[in-house]
Amino acid sequence: MKIKLKLFATFREFLPEKNDGHSSELELNPGTSVENVIDTLHLPKDIPKIILINGIQKTSEEILQDGDTLSIFPPIAGG
């Protein structure tokens, strides 16, 4: 199955080699969770993540489906 992966801010450096600057298409096995993708990309485990699937906030335990768009953000702060 294929998904679109979007990484933002400091997480962009973890994008797979084939990317357009902030997104990449991934080929995954059925039953792959968001946590599996996070582990594969070697995203830092100690940094909290905001996870969206198709624009809806989800947890890392969520199982991805063919055609999903997975967006992962680091914590956002401002002031």
C-alpha atoms as a PDB file:
ATOM      1  CA  MET A   1       0.000   0.000   0.000  1.00  0.00           C
ATOM      2  CA  LYS A   2       1.097   3.593  -0.553  1.00  0.00           C
ATOM      3  CA  ILE A   3       0.776   6.600   1.738  1.00  0.00           C
ATOM      4  CA  LYS A   4       1.924  10.205   1.537  1.00  0.00           C
ATOM      5  CA  LEU A   5       4.208  11.218   4.401  1.00  0.00           C
ATOM      6  CA  LYS A   6       4.565  14.867   5.398  1.00  0.00           C
ATOM      7  CA  LEU A   7       7.124  15.942   7.988  1.00  0.00           C
ATOM      8  CA  PHE A   8       7.328  19.476   9.339  1.00  0.00           C
ATOM      9  CA  ALA A   9       9.899  21.787  10.952  1.00  0.00           C
ATOM     10  CA  THR A  10      12.860  19.926  12.485  1.00  0.00           C
ATOM     11  CA  PHE A  11      11.418  16.541  11.474  1.00  0.00           C
ATOM     12  CA  ARG A  12      12.019  17.281   7.767  1.00  0.00           C
ATOM     13  CA  GLU A  13      15.612  16.092   8.084  1.00  0.00           C
ATOM     14  CA  PHE A  14      14.237  12.565   8.632  1.00  0.00           C
ATOM     15  CA  LEU A  15      12.433  12.383   5.279  1.00  0.00           C
ATOM     16  CA  PRO A  16      13.414   9.487   3.004  1.00  0.00           C
ATOM     17  CA  GLU A  17      15.878  10.367   0.258  1.00  0.00           C
ATOM     18  CA  LYS A  18      13.180  10.707  -2.421  1.00  0.00           C
ATOM     19  CA  ASN A  19      11.167  13.730  -1.307  1.00  0.00           C
ATOM     20  CA  ASP A  20       9.941  17.140  -2.448  1.00  0.00           C
ATOM     21  CA  GLY A  21      11.257  19.060   0.561  1.00  0.00           C
ATOM     22  CA  HIS A  22       8.541  18.215   3.070  1.00  0.00           C
ATOM     23  CA  SER A  23       6.731  15.127   1.775  1.00  0.00           C
ATOM     24  CA  SER A  24       7.433  11.707   0.324  1.00  0.00           C
ATOM     25  CA  GLU A  25       5.447   8.723  -0.908  1.00  0.00           C
ATOM     26  CA  LEU A  26       6.017   5.542   1.091  1.00  0.00           C
ATOM     27  CA  GLU A  27       5.295   1.941   0.154  1.00  0.00           C
ATOM     28  CA  LEU A  28       4.179   0.087   3.306  1.00  0.00           C
ATOM     29  CA  ASN A  29       2.948  -3.356   4.241  1.00  0.00           C
ATOM     30  CA  PRO A  30      -0.729  -3.671   5.208  1.00  0.00           C
ATOM     31  CA  GLY A  31      -1.155  -3.357   8.978  1.00  0.00           C
ATOM     32  CA  THR A  32       1.648  -0.809   9.374  1.00  0.00           C
ATOM     33  CA  SER A  33       1.078   1.583  12.281  1.00  0.00           C
ATOM     34  CA  VAL A  34       2.176   5.187  12.638  1.00  0.00           C
ATOM     35  CA  GLU A  35       4.610   3.982  15.324  1.00  0.00           C
ATOM     36  CA  ASN A  36       6.185   1.594  12.782  1.00  0.00           C
ATOM     37  CA  VAL A  37       6.767   4.541  10.410  1.00  0.00           C
ATOM     38  CA  ILE A  38       8.205   6.685  13.231  1.00  0.00           C
ATOM     39  CA  ASP A  39      10.625   3.868  14.143  1.00  0.00           C
ATOM     40  CA  THR A  40      11.643   3.296  10.511  1.00  0.00           C
ATOM     41  CA  LEU A  41      12.397   7.002  10.046  1.00  0.00           C
ATOM     42  CA  HIS A  42      14.370   7.109  13.330  1.00  0.00           C
ATOM     43  CA  LEU A  43      12.388  10.094  14.604  1.00  0.00           C
ATOM     44  CA  PRO A  44      13.567  10.960  18.138  1.00  0.00           C
ATOM     45  CA  LYS A  45      11.498   9.049  20.694  1.00  0.00           C
ATOM     46  CA  ASP A  46      12.012  11.729  23.367  1.00  0.00           C
ATOM     47  CA  ILE A  47      10.287  14.478  21.332  1.00  0.00           C
ATOM     48  CA  PRO A  48       6.473  14.574  21.501  1.00  0.00           C
ATOM     49  CA  LYS A  49       4.724  14.412  18.146  1.00  0.00           C
ATOM     50  CA  ILE A  50       1.499  15.796  16.733  1.00  0.00           C
ATOM     51  CA  ILE A  51       0.127  13.151  14.372  1.00  0.00           C
ATOM     52  CA  LEU A  52      -2.537  13.740  11.737  1.00  0.00           C
ATOM     53  CA  ILE A  53      -3.969  11.180   9.342  1.00  0.00           C
ATOM     54  CA  ASN A  54      -5.937  12.785   6.531  1.00  0.00           C
ATOM     55  CA  GLY A  55      -6.110  15.988   8.600  1.00  0.00           C
ATOM     56  CA  ILE A  56      -7.510  14.342  11.751  1.00  0.00           C
ATOM     57  CA  GLN A  57      -5.430  14.081  14.934  1.00  0.00           C
ATOM     58  CA  LYS A  58      -4.600  10.456  15.789  1.00  0.00           C
ATOM     59  CA  THR A  59      -2.280   8.436  18.033  1.00  0.00           C
ATOM     60  CA  SER A  60       0.845   6.542  17.043  1.00  0.00           C
ATOM     61  CA  GLU A  61      -1.023   3.230  17.450  1.00  0.00           C
ATOM     62  CA  GLU A  62      -3.275   4.032  14.467  1.00  0.00           C
ATOM     63  CA  ILE A  63      -3.046   1.562  11.559  1.00  0.00           C
ATOM     64  CA  LEU A  64      -2.463   3.255   8.207  1.00  0.00           C
ATOM     65  CA  GLN A  65      -4.604   2.576   5.136  1.00  0.00           C
ATOM     66  CA  ASP A  66      -3.768   2.749   1.434  1.00  0.00           C
ATOM     67  CA  GLY A  67      -3.952   6.351   0.217  1.00  0.00           C
ATOM     68  CA  ASP A  68      -3.643   7.951   3.673  1.00  0.00           C
ATOM     69  CA  THR A  69      -1.727  11.176   4.213  1.00  0.00           C
ATOM     70  CA  LEU A  70       0.339  10.991   7.406  1.00  0.00           C
ATOM     71  CA  SER A  71       1.528  14.340   8.787  1.00  0.00           C
ATOM     72  CA  ILE A  72       3.909  14.519  11.742  1.00  0.00           C
ATOM     73  CA  PHE A  73       4.774  17.761  13.543  1.00  0.00           C
ATOM     74  CA  PRO A  74       7.113  18.451  16.460  1.00  0.00           C
ATOM     75  CA  PRO A  75       5.609  20.439  19.356  1.00  0.00           C
ATOM     76  CA  ILE A  76       4.604  23.934  18.300  1.00  0.00           C
ATOM     77  CA  ALA A  77       5.334  26.954  20.479  1.00  0.00           C
ATOM     78  CA  GLY A  78       4.978  30.634  19.952  1.00  0.00           C
ATOM     79  CA  GLY A  79       4.706  33.828  21.745  1.00  0.00           C
END
